[in-house]
Amino acid sequence: MTQLKLPDIAAQALEYTLPLDWVGMCGIALPVQFEGRTAAAKIDAGVSLIDGSSRGIHMSRLYLALETLEHQPLTPLAIRRLLADFLSSHEGLSSAAYLRLRFEHMLKRPALISPLAGWKSYAVTVDARIENEMFHVELSVSVPYSSTCPCSAALARQLIQQQFLDDFSEQQVEKSAILQWLGSAKGIVATPHSQRSTAQIQVRLRGTQQDLPITELINCVEGSLGTAVQTAVKRADEQAFALANGQNLMFCEDAARRLHHSLRQMEWSTAFKLRVEHAESLHAHDAVATSQWQWDVSCAV
């Protein structure tokens, strides 16, 4: 039986000759090892195509090279070696290599007061590239939190004051009566409005960084805001959460400034940008604030 030679479409003449900035694959499913656990990741992998006369790159070489991430911890060094493999397998075709990993980072969080605990999932993206012979890594995380509007808190307090004057006008009031009033519906005739909010952080790592400080970054964000959303709670935890919200009244501008200050303390960061979104419970639109430090076009992947 005659064996036909497999066709090589890539060898055919091009209609146009043109270098391309990025060629590769998006949404590759791959398990990665991070902090002792396996995470289900989606990966984008690509290289530049500097040879404009070449039909394309060798995508299978990129795909097969990704298998190295299955069997070793996810670190900047492992990513750097992988990108170097991308380039060595495309010598003469490519001068830059790119990688993006997206996965959910699971952390078990304790309740505020009770011994309960539960898992929280944080969306993480790792962007890396070798470009102009320079290696860069950026971490992005999305962290949910609660925000209580300072304006609505002040307006609620005024209404409570007014209700107190209406109920105890010019009469001597016993302490026990005030205490009973404060525990009644009239004692909290108005409440501030709170909303679930999100901080989106992107941080560029120093070239000497040996690990991916994702958990440290998440802890920094939650610690600076003081109102991280909870998992398993009892009434004592819910009360403590209400107290935390009352002591951390925040416009979106306040949250952005808090985060900017905290991120400046991260010694492993060379640049960052942040965006906070408060999903308004008063309005049908969201309140948003952004900030950045030493971030420029060269930081973006």
C-alpha atoms as a PDB file:
ATOM      1  CA  MET A   1       0.000   0.000   0.000  1.00  0.00           C
ATOM      2  CA  THR A   2       1.430   3.370  -0.987  1.00  0.00           C
ATOM      3  CA  GLN A   3       2.011   5.729   1.925  1.00  0.00           C
ATOM      4  CA  LEU A   4       1.200   9.312   0.972  1.00  0.00           C
ATOM      5  CA  LYS A   5       3.465  12.040   2.273  1.00  0.00           C
ATOM      6  CA  LEU A   6       1.787  14.325   4.780  1.00  0.00           C
ATOM      7  CA  PRO A   7       1.156  17.779   3.312  1.00  0.00           C
ATOM      8  CA  ASP A   8       3.218  20.684   4.663  1.00  0.00           C
ATOM      9  CA  ILE A   9       1.001  23.734   4.263  1.00  0.00           C
ATOM     10  CA  ALA A  10       3.524  25.890   6.134  1.00  0.00           C
ATOM     11  CA  ALA A  11       5.968  25.537   3.240  1.00  0.00           C
ATOM     12  CA  GLN A  12       3.622  27.182   0.756  1.00  0.00           C
ATOM     13  CA  ALA A  13       4.279  30.704  -0.480  1.00  0.00           C
ATOM     14  CA  LEU A  14       2.842  33.626   1.549  1.00  0.00           C
ATOM     15  CA  GLU A  15       0.344  36.123   0.256  1.00  0.00           C
ATOM     16  CA  TYR A  16       1.887  38.813   2.478  1.00  0.00           C
ATOM     17  CA  THR A  17       5.235  38.925   4.282  1.00  0.00           C
ATOM     18  CA  LEU A  18       4.989  40.695   7.618  1.00  0.00           C
ATOM     19  CA  PRO A  19       6.452  40.208  11.129  1.00  0.00           C
ATOM     20  CA  LEU A  20       3.870  39.713  13.894  1.00  0.00           C
ATOM     21  CA  ASP A  21       3.992  40.903  17.501  1.00  0.00           C
ATOM     22  CA  TRP A  22       2.397  37.844  19.136  1.00  0.00           C
ATOM     23  CA  VAL A  23       1.465  34.407  17.875  1.00  0.00           C
ATOM     24  CA  GLY A  24       0.426  31.518  20.075  1.00  0.00           C
ATOM     25  CA  MET A  25      -2.435  29.852  21.913  1.00  0.00           C
ATOM     26  CA  CYS A  26      -4.950  31.036  24.515  1.00  0.00           C
ATOM     27  CA  GLY A  27      -6.972  29.130  27.089  1.00  0.00           C
ATOM     28  CA  ILE A  28      -4.763  26.033  27.399  1.00  0.00           C
ATOM     29  CA  ALA A  29      -5.899  23.869  30.336  1.00  0.00           C
ATOM     30  CA  LEU A  30      -3.039  22.777  32.597  1.00  0.00           C
ATOM     31  CA  PRO A  31      -2.592  21.778  36.251  1.00  0.00           C
ATOM     32  CA  VAL A  32       0.089  23.827  38.017  1.00  0.00           C
ATOM     33  CA  GLN A  33       1.749  23.315  41.383  1.00  0.00           C
ATOM     34  CA  PHE A  34       1.502  26.279  43.741  1.00  0.00           C
ATOM     35  CA  GLU A  35       2.034  26.437  47.509  1.00  0.00           C
ATOM     36  CA  GLY A  36       1.885  22.650  47.794  1.00  0.00           C
ATOM     37  CA  ARG A  37      -1.431  22.264  45.971  1.00  0.00           C
ATOM     38  CA  THR A  38      -2.537  21.657  42.412  1.00  0.00           C
ATOM     39  CA  ALA A  39      -4.462  24.462  40.748  1.00  0.00           C
ATOM     40  CA  ALA A  40      -6.411  24.184  37.504  1.00  0.00           C
ATOM     41  CA  ALA A  41      -4.942  26.896  35.307  1.00  0.00           C
ATOM     42  CA  LYS A  42      -5.765  28.410  31.946  1.00  0.00           C
ATOM     43  CA  ILE A  43      -2.654  29.446  30.053  1.00  0.00           C
ATOM     44  CA  ASP A  44      -1.906  31.768  27.151  1.00  0.00           C
ATOM     45  CA  ALA A  45       1.469  31.064  25.513  1.00  0.00           C
ATOM     46  CA  GLY A  46       3.031  32.871  22.597  1.00  0.00           C
ATOM     47  CA  VAL A  47       6.102  34.301  20.914  1.00  0.00           C
ATOM     48  CA  SER A  48       6.838  37.108  18.490  1.00  0.00           C
ATOM     49  CA  LEU A  49       7.300  36.257  14.819  1.00  0.00           C
ATOM     50  CA  ILE A  50      10.136  38.457  13.607  1.00  0.00           C
ATOM     51  CA  ASP A  51      10.683  36.512  10.382  1.00  0.00           C
ATOM     52  CA  GLY A  52       8.008  38.009   8.194  1.00  0.00           C
ATOM     53  CA  SER A  53       8.685  35.495   5.427  1.00  0.00           C
ATOM     54  CA  SER A  54       7.872  32.530   7.688  1.00  0.00           C
ATOM     55  CA  ARG A  55       4.326  31.130   7.462  1.00  0.00           C
ATOM     56  CA  GLY A  56       4.046  30.697  11.220  1.00  0.00           C
ATOM     57  CA  ILE A  57       5.481  29.418  14.490  1.00  0.00           C
ATOM     58  CA  HIS A  58       5.663  25.881  15.892  1.00  0.00           C
ATOM     59  CA  MET A  59       2.704  25.925  18.267  1.00  0.00           C
ATOM     60  CA  SER A  60       3.140  22.276  19.226  1.00  0.00           C
ATOM     61  CA  ARG A  61       6.585  23.121  20.620  1.00  0.00           C
ATOM     62  CA  LEU A  62       5.063  25.716  22.927  1.00  0.00           C
ATOM     63  CA  TYR A  63       2.316  23.329  23.991  1.00  0.00           C
ATOM     64  CA  LEU A  64       4.714  20.488  24.806  1.00  0.00           C
ATOM     65  CA  ALA A  65       7.089  22.813  26.681  1.00  0.00           C
ATOM     66  CA  LEU A  66       4.253  23.765  29.045  1.00  0.00           C
ATOM     67  CA  GLU A  67       4.266  20.235  30.485  1.00  0.00           C
ATOM     68  CA  THR A  68       7.230  21.223  32.663  1.00  0.00           C
ATOM     69  CA  LEU A  69       4.871  23.296  34.818  1.00  0.00           C
ATOM     70  CA  GLU A  70       2.954  20.177  35.857  1.00  0.00           C
ATOM     71  CA  HIS A  71       5.866  18.667  37.750  1.00  0.00           C
ATOM     72  CA  GLN A  72       7.533  21.543  39.609  1.00  0.00           C
ATOM     73  CA  PRO A  73       6.463  24.430  41.842  1.00  0.00           C
ATOM     74  CA  LEU A  74       5.350  27.559  40.029  1.00  0.00           C
ATOM     75  CA  THR A  75       8.166  30.072  40.602  1.00  0.00           C
ATOM     76  CA  PRO A  76       9.705  32.959  38.644  1.00  0.00           C
ATOM     77  CA  LEU A  77      12.701  30.739  37.839  1.00  0.00           C
ATOM     78  CA  ALA A  78      10.492  27.949  36.440  1.00  0.00           C
ATOM     79  CA  ILE A  79       8.631  30.490  34.303  1.00  0.00           C
ATOM     80  CA  ARG A  80      11.862  32.064  33.092  1.00  0.00           C
ATOM     81  CA  ARG A  81      13.250  28.703  31.997  1.00  0.00           C
ATOM     82  CA  LEU A  82      10.000  27.928  30.200  1.00  0.00           C
ATOM     83  CA  LEU A  83      10.099  31.189  28.268  1.00  0.00           C
ATOM     84  CA  ALA A  84      13.732  30.536  27.387  1.00  0.00           C
ATOM     85  CA  ASP A  85      12.614  27.162  25.992  1.00  0.00           C
ATOM     86  CA  PHE A  86      10.011  28.944  23.881  1.00  0.00           C
ATOM     87  CA  LEU A  87      12.748  31.079  22.343  1.00  0.00           C
ATOM     88  CA  SER A  88      15.296  28.298  21.873  1.00  0.00           C
ATOM     89  CA  SER A  89      12.691  26.236  20.017  1.00  0.00           C
ATOM     90  CA  HIS A  90      12.020  29.219  17.740  1.00  0.00           C
ATOM     91  CA  GLU A  91      15.557  30.392  17.109  1.00  0.00           C
ATOM     92  CA  GLY A  92      15.620  32.696  14.115  1.00  0.00           C
ATOM     93  CA  LEU A  93      11.838  33.097  14.195  1.00  0.00           C
ATOM     94  CA  SER A  94      11.184  34.836  17.527  1.00  0.00           C
ATOM     95  CA  SER A  95      12.865  37.388  19.775  1.00  0.00           C
ATOM     96  CA  ALA A  96      10.257  37.615  22.562  1.00  0.00           C
ATOM     97  CA  ALA A  97       8.221  35.071  24.534  1.00  0.00           C
ATOM     98  CA  TYR A  98       5.053  35.541  26.573  1.00  0.00           C
ATOM     99  CA  LEU A  99       3.092  33.584  29.167  1.00  0.00           C
ATOM    100  CA  ARG A 100      -0.135  34.260  31.059  1.00  0.00           C
ATOM    101  CA  LEU A 101      -1.521  31.929  33.733  1.00  0.00           C
ATOM    102  CA  ARG A 102      -4.973  32.331  35.287  1.00  0.00           C
ATOM    103  CA  PHE A 103      -6.145  30.261  38.234  1.00  0.00           C
ATOM    104  CA  GLU A 104      -8.137  30.439  41.470  1.00  0.00           C
ATOM    105  CA  HIS A 105      -5.994  30.631  44.597  1.00  0.00           C
ATOM    106  CA  MET A 106      -7.736  28.992  47.568  1.00  0.00           C
ATOM    107  CA  LEU A 107      -7.072  30.206  51.114  1.00  0.00           C
ATOM    108  CA  LYS A 108      -8.724  28.982  54.293  1.00  0.00           C
ATOM    109  CA  ARG A 109      -9.757  31.965  56.380  1.00  0.00           C
ATOM    110  CA  PRO A 110     -10.712  31.970  60.077  1.00  0.00           C
ATOM    111  CA  ALA A 111     -13.822  33.712  61.353  1.00  0.00           C
ATOM    112  CA  LEU A 112     -13.345  36.983  63.238  1.00  0.00           C
ATOM    113  CA  ILE A 113     -14.372  35.671  66.686  1.00  0.00           C
ATOM    114  CA  SER A 114     -15.614  32.076  66.633  1.00  0.00           C
ATOM    115  CA  PRO A 115     -13.431  29.020  65.873  1.00  0.00           C
ATOM    116  CA  LEU A 116     -15.114  28.564  62.473  1.00  0.00           C
ATOM    117  CA  ALA A 117     -13.179  28.779  59.197  1.00  0.00           C
ATOM    118  CA  GLY A 118     -13.943  28.508  55.499  1.00  0.00           C
ATOM    119  CA  TRP A 119     -12.341  28.663  52.075  1.00  0.00           C
ATOM    120  CA  LYS A 120     -12.110  31.769  49.897  1.00  0.00           C
ATOM    121  CA  SER A 121     -11.198  31.784  46.225  1.00  0.00           C
ATOM    122  CA  TYR A 122      -9.135  34.598  44.707  1.00  0.00           C
ATOM    123  CA  ALA A 123      -8.749  35.116  40.959  1.00  0.00           C
ATOM    124  CA  VAL A 124      -5.021  35.271  40.155  1.00  0.00           C
ATOM    125  CA  THR A 125      -3.200  36.092  36.931  1.00  0.00           C
ATOM    126  CA  VAL A 126       0.544  35.717  36.370  1.00  0.00           C
ATOM    127  CA  ASP A 127       1.931  37.579  33.351  1.00  0.00           C
ATOM    128  CA  ALA A 128       5.532  36.937  32.277  1.00  0.00           C
ATOM    129  CA  ARG A 129       7.660  37.743  29.277  1.00  0.00           C
ATOM    130  CA  ILE A 130      11.169  37.790  27.907  1.00  0.00           C
ATOM    131  CA  GLU A 131      11.493  40.840  25.702  1.00  0.00           C
ATOM    132  CA  ASN A 132      14.644  42.620  24.592  1.00  0.00           C
ATOM    133  CA  GLU A 133      16.495  39.943  26.588  1.00  0.00           C
ATOM    134  CA  MET A 134      14.818  41.190  29.784  1.00  0.00           C
ATOM    135  CA  PHE A 135      12.614  38.990  32.001  1.00  0.00           C
ATOM    136  CA  HIS A 136       9.547  40.472  33.694  1.00  0.00           C
ATOM    137  CA  VAL A 137       6.791  39.030  35.904  1.00  0.00           C
ATOM    138  CA  GLU A 138       3.571  40.687  37.052  1.00  0.00           C
ATOM    139  CA  LEU A 139       1.021  39.369  39.541  1.00  0.00           C
ATOM    140  CA  SER A 140      -2.651  40.333  39.450  1.00  0.00           C
ATOM    141  CA  VAL A 141      -5.207  39.489  42.130  1.00  0.00           C
ATOM    142  CA  SER A 142      -8.862  40.329  42.680  1.00  0.00           C
ATOM    143  CA  VAL A 143      -9.839  40.732  46.349  1.00  0.00           C
ATOM    144  CA  PRO A 144     -13.445  41.253  47.537  1.00  0.00           C
ATOM    145  CA  TYR A 145     -14.204  43.375  50.597  1.00  0.00           C
ATOM    146  CA  SER A 146     -17.013  45.343  52.201  1.00  0.00           C
ATOM    147  CA  SER A 147     -17.232  49.132  52.102  1.00  0.00           C
ATOM    148  CA  THR A 148     -19.516  51.385  54.115  1.00  0.00           C
ATOM    149  CA  CYS A 149     -20.196  54.896  52.827  1.00  0.00           C
ATOM    150  CA  PRO A 150     -18.992  57.634  55.260  1.00  0.00           C
ATOM    151  CA  CYS A 151     -21.668  60.041  53.992  1.00  0.00           C
ATOM    152  CA  SER A 152     -24.528  57.637  54.638  1.00  0.00           C
ATOM    153  CA  ALA A 153     -23.059  56.880  58.080  1.00  0.00           C
ATOM    154  CA  ALA A 154     -23.104  60.574  58.990  1.00  0.00           C
ATOM    155  CA  LEU A 155     -26.657  60.983  57.658  1.00  0.00           C
ATOM    156  CA  ALA A 156     -27.821  57.918  59.599  1.00  0.00           C
ATOM    157  CA  ARG A 157     -26.267  59.263  62.809  1.00  0.00           C
ATOM    158  CA  GLN A 158     -28.100  62.558  62.337  1.00  0.00           C
ATOM    159  CA  LEU A 159     -31.430  60.780  61.913  1.00  0.00           C
ATOM    160  CA  ILE A 160     -30.784  58.798  65.089  1.00  0.00           C
ATOM    161  CA  GLN A 161     -29.990  62.039  66.912  1.00  0.00           C
ATOM    162  CA  GLN A 162     -33.208  63.574  65.629  1.00  0.00           C
ATOM    163  CA  GLN A 163     -35.200  60.538  66.730  1.00  0.00           C
ATOM    164  CA  PHE A 164     -33.628  60.808  70.184  1.00  0.00           C
ATOM    165  CA  LEU A 165     -34.643  64.463  70.445  1.00  0.00           C
ATOM    166  CA  ASP A 166     -38.177  63.611  69.338  1.00  0.00           C
ATOM    167  CA  ASP A 167     -38.517  60.818  71.885  1.00  0.00           C
ATOM    168  CA  PHE A 168     -36.827  62.533  74.859  1.00  0.00           C
ATOM    169  CA  SER A 169     -37.608  66.196  74.297  1.00  0.00           C
ATOM    170  CA  GLU A 170     -36.527  68.300  77.309  1.00  0.00           C
ATOM    171  CA  GLN A 171     -37.049  65.569  79.856  1.00  0.00           C
ATOM    172  CA  GLN A 172     -34.603  64.131  82.280  1.00  0.00           C
ATOM    173  CA  VAL A 173     -33.671  60.721  80.999  1.00  0.00           C
ATOM    174  CA  GLU A 174     -32.554  57.790  83.088  1.00  0.00           C
ATOM    175  CA  LYS A 175     -29.561  55.837  81.877  1.00  0.00           C
ATOM    176  CA  SER A 176     -31.634  52.655  81.782  1.00  0.00           C
ATOM    177  CA  ALA A 177     -34.219  54.319  79.535  1.00  0.00           C
ATOM    178  CA  ILE A 178     -31.525  55.430  77.100  1.00  0.00           C
ATOM    179  CA  LEU A 179     -30.037  51.954  77.089  1.00  0.00           C
ATOM    180  CA  GLN A 180     -33.441  50.435  76.372  1.00  0.00           C
ATOM    181  CA  TRP A 181     -34.074  52.998  73.625  1.00  0.00           C
ATOM    182  CA  LEU A 182     -30.722  52.264  71.970  1.00  0.00           C
ATOM    183  CA  GLY A 183     -31.667  48.591  71.805  1.00  0.00           C
ATOM    184  CA  SER A 184     -35.017  49.296  70.157  1.00  0.00           C
ATOM    185  CA  ALA A 185     -35.913  49.889  66.515  1.00  0.00           C
ATOM    186  CA  LYS A 186     -36.059  53.632  67.181  1.00  0.00           C
ATOM    187  CA  GLY A 187     -32.463  53.576  68.394  1.00  0.00           C
ATOM    188  CA  ILE A 188     -31.336  52.550  64.945  1.00  0.00           C
ATOM    189  CA  VAL A 189     -33.965  54.302  62.851  1.00  0.00           C
ATOM    190  CA  ALA A 190     -31.472  54.594  59.981  1.00  0.00           C
ATOM    191  CA  THR A 191     -28.451  52.580  58.893  1.00  0.00           C
ATOM    192  CA  PRO A 192     -25.503  53.380  56.614  1.00  0.00           C
ATOM    193  CA  HIS A 193     -25.418  51.586  53.290  1.00  0.00           C
ATOM    194  CA  SER A 194     -22.651  49.082  52.628  1.00  0.00           C
ATOM    195  CA  GLN A 195     -21.732  47.220  49.489  1.00  0.00           C
ATOM    196  CA  ARG A 196     -19.541  44.358  48.361  1.00  0.00           C
ATOM    197  CA  SER A 197     -16.502  45.873  46.721  1.00  0.00           C
ATOM    198  CA  THR A 198     -13.494  44.632  44.763  1.00  0.00           C
ATOM    199  CA  ALA A 199      -9.827  45.587  44.715  1.00  0.00           C
ATOM    200  CA  GLN A 200      -7.958  44.638  41.554  1.00  0.00           C
ATOM    201  CA  ILE A 201      -4.200  44.796  42.038  1.00  0.00           C
ATOM    202  CA  GLN A 202      -1.390  44.306  39.531  1.00  0.00           C
ATOM    203  CA  VAL A 203       2.176  44.268  40.843  1.00  0.00           C
ATOM    204  CA  ARG A 204       5.472  43.965  39.007  1.00  0.00           C
ATOM    205  CA  LEU A 205       8.085  41.801  40.766  1.00  0.00           C
ATOM    206  CA  ARG A 206      11.765  42.483  41.200  1.00  0.00           C
ATOM    207  CA  GLY A 207      14.006  40.405  38.989  1.00  0.00           C
ATOM    208  CA  THR A 208      15.582  38.801  42.066  1.00  0.00           C
ATOM    209  CA  GLN A 209      12.253  37.572  43.475  1.00  0.00           C
ATOM    210  CA  GLN A 210      12.421  33.801  44.052  1.00  0.00           C
ATOM    211  CA  ASP A 211       8.735  33.079  44.661  1.00  0.00           C
ATOM    212  CA  LEU A 212       5.314  34.400  43.703  1.00  0.00           C
ATOM    213  CA  PRO A 213       4.099  36.250  46.837  1.00  0.00           C
ATOM    214  CA  ILE A 214       0.412  35.903  45.995  1.00  0.00           C
ATOM    215  CA  THR A 215      -0.758  35.076  49.526  1.00  0.00           C
ATOM    216  CA  GLU A 216       1.317  37.937  50.950  1.00  0.00           C
ATOM    217  CA  LEU A 217      -0.218  40.313  48.426  1.00  0.00           C
ATOM    218  CA  ILE A 218      -3.759  39.197  49.307  1.00  0.00           C
ATOM    219  CA  ASN A 219      -3.015  39.552  53.032  1.00  0.00           C
ATOM    220  CA  CYS A 220      -1.649  43.045  52.398  1.00  0.00           C
ATOM    221  CA  VAL A 221      -4.823  44.099  50.594  1.00  0.00           C
ATOM    222  CA  GLU A 222      -7.217  42.632  53.167  1.00  0.00           C
ATOM    223  CA  GLY A 223      -5.182  43.957  56.082  1.00  0.00           C
ATOM    224  CA  SER A 224      -5.054  47.511  54.769  1.00  0.00           C
ATOM    225  CA  LEU A 225      -8.815  47.654  54.120  1.00  0.00           C
ATOM    226  CA  GLY A 226      -9.910  45.900  57.323  1.00  0.00           C
ATOM    227  CA  THR A 227     -13.227  44.589  55.981  1.00  0.00           C
ATOM    228  CA  ALA A 228     -12.473  41.370  54.097  1.00  0.00           C
ATOM    229  CA  VAL A 229     -15.592  39.371  53.236  1.00  0.00           C
ATOM    230  CA  GLN A 230     -16.172  36.379  55.492  1.00  0.00           C
ATOM    231  CA  THR A 231     -16.896  32.666  55.064  1.00  0.00           C
ATOM    232  CA  ALA A 232     -18.441  30.621  57.919  1.00  0.00           C
ATOM    233  CA  VAL A 233     -19.744  32.896  60.686  1.00  0.00           C
ATOM    234  CA  LYS A 234     -21.707  32.884  63.922  1.00  0.00           C
ATOM    235  CA  ARG A 235     -23.580  35.888  65.319  1.00  0.00           C
ATOM    236  CA  ALA A 236     -20.487  37.029  67.206  1.00  0.00           C
ATOM    237  CA  ASP A 237     -18.549  37.080  63.935  1.00  0.00           C
ATOM    238  CA  GLU A 238     -21.302  39.010  62.203  1.00  0.00           C
ATOM    239  CA  GLN A 239     -21.270  41.556  65.003  1.00  0.00           C
ATOM    240  CA  ALA A 240     -17.486  41.868  64.741  1.00  0.00           C
ATOM    241  CA  PHE A 241     -17.856  42.369  60.988  1.00  0.00           C
ATOM    242  CA  ALA A 242     -20.390  45.166  61.590  1.00  0.00           C
ATOM    243  CA  LEU A 243     -17.896  46.745  64.006  1.00  0.00           C
ATOM    244  CA  ALA A 244     -15.095  46.490  61.426  1.00  0.00           C
ATOM    245  CA  ASN A 245     -17.277  48.209  58.840  1.00  0.00           C
ATOM    246  CA  GLY A 246     -18.183  50.964  61.286  1.00  0.00           C
ATOM    247  CA  GLN A 247     -14.520  51.574  62.081  1.00  0.00           C
ATOM    248  CA  ASN A 248     -13.444  51.511  58.434  1.00  0.00           C
ATOM    249  CA  LEU A 249     -15.820  53.862  56.641  1.00  0.00           C
ATOM    250  CA  MET A 250     -14.544  54.228  53.080  1.00  0.00           C
ATOM    251  CA  PHE A 251     -15.292  56.063  49.911  1.00  0.00           C
ATOM    252  CA  CYS A 252     -13.622  54.410  46.924  1.00  0.00           C
ATOM    253  CA  GLU A 253     -11.007  57.186  47.108  1.00  0.00           C
ATOM    254  CA  ASP A 254     -10.189  56.216  50.702  1.00  0.00           C
ATOM    255  CA  ALA A 255      -9.791  52.552  49.764  1.00  0.00           C
ATOM    256  CA  ALA A 256      -7.501  53.388  46.834  1.00  0.00           C
ATOM    257  CA  ARG A 257      -5.283  55.585  49.002  1.00  0.00           C
ATOM    258  CA  ARG A 258      -5.040  52.946  51.725  1.00  0.00           C
ATOM    259  CA  LEU A 259      -4.006  50.323  49.204  1.00  0.00           C
ATOM    260  CA  HIS A 260      -1.506  52.611  47.490  1.00  0.00           C
ATOM    261  CA  HIS A 261       0.196  53.320  50.819  1.00  0.00           C
ATOM    262  CA  SER A 262       0.340  49.624  51.773  1.00  0.00           C
ATOM    263  CA  LEU A 263       1.624  48.472  48.387  1.00  0.00           C
ATOM    264  CA  ARG A 264       4.456  51.005  48.556  1.00  0.00           C
ATOM    265  CA  GLN A 265       5.766  49.045  51.550  1.00  0.00           C
ATOM    266  CA  MET A 266       6.177  45.823  49.539  1.00  0.00           C
ATOM    267  CA  GLU A 267       9.942  45.490  49.019  1.00  0.00           C
ATOM    268  CA  TRP A 268       9.518  42.923  46.234  1.00  0.00           C
ATOM    269  CA  SER A 269       7.451  45.322  44.116  1.00  0.00           C
ATOM    270  CA  THR A 270       8.963  47.656  41.517  1.00  0.00           C
ATOM    271  CA  ALA A 271       5.670  49.008  40.158  1.00  0.00           C
ATOM    272  CA  PHE A 272       1.938  48.553  40.633  1.00  0.00           C
ATOM    273  CA  LYS A 273      -1.459  49.738  39.556  1.00  0.00           C
ATOM    274  CA  LEU A 274      -4.752  49.298  41.366  1.00  0.00           C
ATOM    275  CA  ARG A 275      -8.466  49.719  40.771  1.00  0.00           C
ATOM    276  CA  VAL A 276     -11.202  49.619  43.388  1.00  0.00           C
ATOM    277  CA  GLU A 277     -14.873  49.234  42.558  1.00  0.00           C
ATOM    278  CA  HIS A 278     -17.666  49.859  45.044  1.00  0.00           C
ATOM    279  CA  ALA A 279     -20.859  48.234  43.760  1.00  0.00           C
ATOM    280  CA  GLU A 280     -23.156  50.972  45.007  1.00  0.00           C
ATOM    281  CA  SER A 281     -26.269  49.989  46.929  1.00  0.00           C
ATOM    282  CA  LEU A 282     -27.593  53.568  46.663  1.00  0.00           C
ATOM    283  CA  HIS A 283     -27.002  54.089  42.934  1.00  0.00           C
ATOM    284  CA  ALA A 284     -27.472  51.895  39.888  1.00  0.00           C
ATOM    285  CA  HIS A 285     -23.833  52.566  38.924  1.00  0.00           C
ATOM    286  CA  ASP A 286     -20.501  51.767  40.581  1.00  0.00           C
ATOM    287  CA  ALA A 287     -17.970  54.062  42.232  1.00  0.00           C
ATOM    288  CA  VAL A 288     -14.422  53.508  40.958  1.00  0.00           C
ATOM    289  CA  ALA A 289     -10.949  54.811  41.799  1.00  0.00           C
ATOM    290  CA  THR A 290      -7.558  53.930  40.323  1.00  0.00           C
ATOM    291  CA  SER A 291      -3.954  54.615  41.244  1.00  0.00           C
ATOM    292  CA  GLN A 292      -0.509  53.514  40.123  1.00  0.00           C
ATOM    293  CA  TRP A 293       3.149  53.826  41.014  1.00  0.00           C
ATOM    294  CA  GLN A 294       6.051  53.695  38.541  1.00  0.00           C
ATOM    295  CA  TRP A 295       3.806  51.935  36.030  1.00  0.00           C
ATOM    296  CA  ASP A 296       4.350  52.648  32.357  1.00  0.00           C
ATOM    297  CA  VAL A 297       3.724  51.009  29.007  1.00  0.00           C
ATOM    298  CA  SER A 298       6.795  48.801  29.395  1.00  0.00           C
ATOM    299  CA  CYS A 299       5.153  47.100  32.389  1.00  0.00           C
ATOM    300  CA  ALA A 300       2.149  45.873  30.444  1.00  0.00           C
ATOM    301  CA  VAL A 301       1.965  42.423  28.856  1.00  0.00           C
END
